[in-house]
Amino acid sequence: IKKEKNYTLVLAKPKTGRQHQIRVHASFCNIPLVGDKLYGDYPFKRQLLHAHKITIDGQSFTAEIPQDFLDFMG
């Protein structure tokens, strides 16, 4: 979605699975998550992984991107 000098904002749309699959696949593609202590390399207080929208049993939920995530992206 957005590429900067030190990071790239990526949209992932997994059909099944969870957070760990996104982390492993991103690392495999040489785009590890910021703050991922196992697969990443950029120090941050938490992983910058956010579920903006999730649909469960046909019902959708959305959440705004947290402020510390936005601050990091500038």
Protein backbone atom coordinates (compact mmCIF):
# COMPACT_ATOMS: atom_id res chain seq x y z
CA ILE A 1 0.00 0.00 0.00
CA LYS A 2 2.79 2.39 0.93
CA LYS A 3 6.58 2.09 0.65
CA GLU A 4 8.94 4.22 2.69
CA LYS A 5 12.69 4.15 3.24
CA ASN A 6 12.61 1.74 6.20
CA TYR A 7 9.24 0.01 5.93
CA THR A 8 6.42 -1.04 3.61
CA LEU A 9 2.75 -0.99 4.59
CA VAL A 10 1.20 -4.23 3.35
CA LEU A 11 -2.41 -5.39 3.17
CA ALA A 12 -2.91 -9.07 3.97
CA LYS A 13 -6.24 -10.81 3.47
CA PRO A 14 -5.90 -14.29 4.93
CA LYS A 15 -8.89 -16.54 4.32
CA THR A 16 -8.03 -18.80 7.23
CA GLY A 17 -5.35 -18.85 9.86
CA ARG A 18 -4.15 -16.40 12.41
CA GLN A 19 -1.52 -13.86 13.27
CA HIS A 20 1.35 -16.37 13.27
CA GLN A 21 0.77 -17.29 9.62
CA ILE A 22 0.99 -13.65 8.58
CA ARG A 23 4.21 -13.26 10.56
CA VAL A 24 5.83 -16.38 9.10
CA HIS A 25 4.83 -15.60 5.51
CA ALA A 26 5.95 -11.98 5.77
CA SER A 27 9.31 -13.07 7.13
CA PHE A 28 9.66 -15.69 4.37
CA CYS A 29 9.01 -12.95 1.77
CA ASN A 30 11.74 -10.83 3.43
CA ILE A 31 9.25 -8.27 4.78
CA PRO A 32 9.19 -9.09 8.53
CA LEU A 33 6.79 -7.24 10.79
CA VAL A 34 8.07 -4.26 12.74
CA GLY A 35 8.36 -5.24 16.39
CA ASP A 36 8.16 -9.00 15.77
CA LYS A 37 10.68 -10.38 18.27
CA LEU A 38 10.74 -13.84 16.70
CA TYR A 39 10.80 -13.12 12.95
CA GLY A 40 11.50 -9.39 12.70
CA ASP A 41 14.48 -7.19 13.31
CA TYR A 42 13.18 -3.65 13.89
CA PRO A 43 12.84 -2.88 17.62
CA PHE A 44 9.45 -1.61 18.70
CA LYS A 45 7.37 -2.09 21.83
CA ARG A 46 4.93 -4.41 20.04
CA GLN A 47 4.22 -5.96 16.65
CA LEU A 48 2.81 -3.54 14.14
CA LEU A 49 0.13 -5.95 12.98
CA HIS A 50 -3.44 -4.67 12.99
CA ALA A 51 -6.76 -6.22 11.97
CA HIS A 52 -8.65 -3.26 10.53
CA LYS A 53 -11.66 -5.35 9.52
CA ILE A 54 -12.67 -8.87 10.42
CA THR A 55 -15.77 -10.81 9.40
CA ILE A 56 -17.07 -13.67 11.52
CA ASP A 57 -20.21 -15.61 10.57
CA GLY A 58 -21.23 -12.87 8.14
CA GLN A 59 -20.89 -10.08 10.71
CA SER A 60 -18.11 -7.49 10.14
CA PHE A 61 -16.20 -5.54 12.75
CA THR A 62 -13.77 -2.68 12.13
CA ALA A 63 -11.18 -0.96 14.30
CA GLU A 64 -9.17 2.18 13.67
CA ILE A 65 -5.40 1.90 13.40
CA PRO A 66 -3.83 2.51 16.84
CA GLN A 67 -2.06 5.83 17.38
CA ASP A 68 1.41 4.32 17.99
CA PHE A 69 1.11 2.53 14.62
CA LEU A 70 0.23 5.83 12.89
CA ASP A 71 3.03 7.66 14.72
CA PHE A 72 5.58 5.08 13.49
CA MET A 73 4.38 5.45 9.90
CA GLY A 74 4.61 9.22 10.14
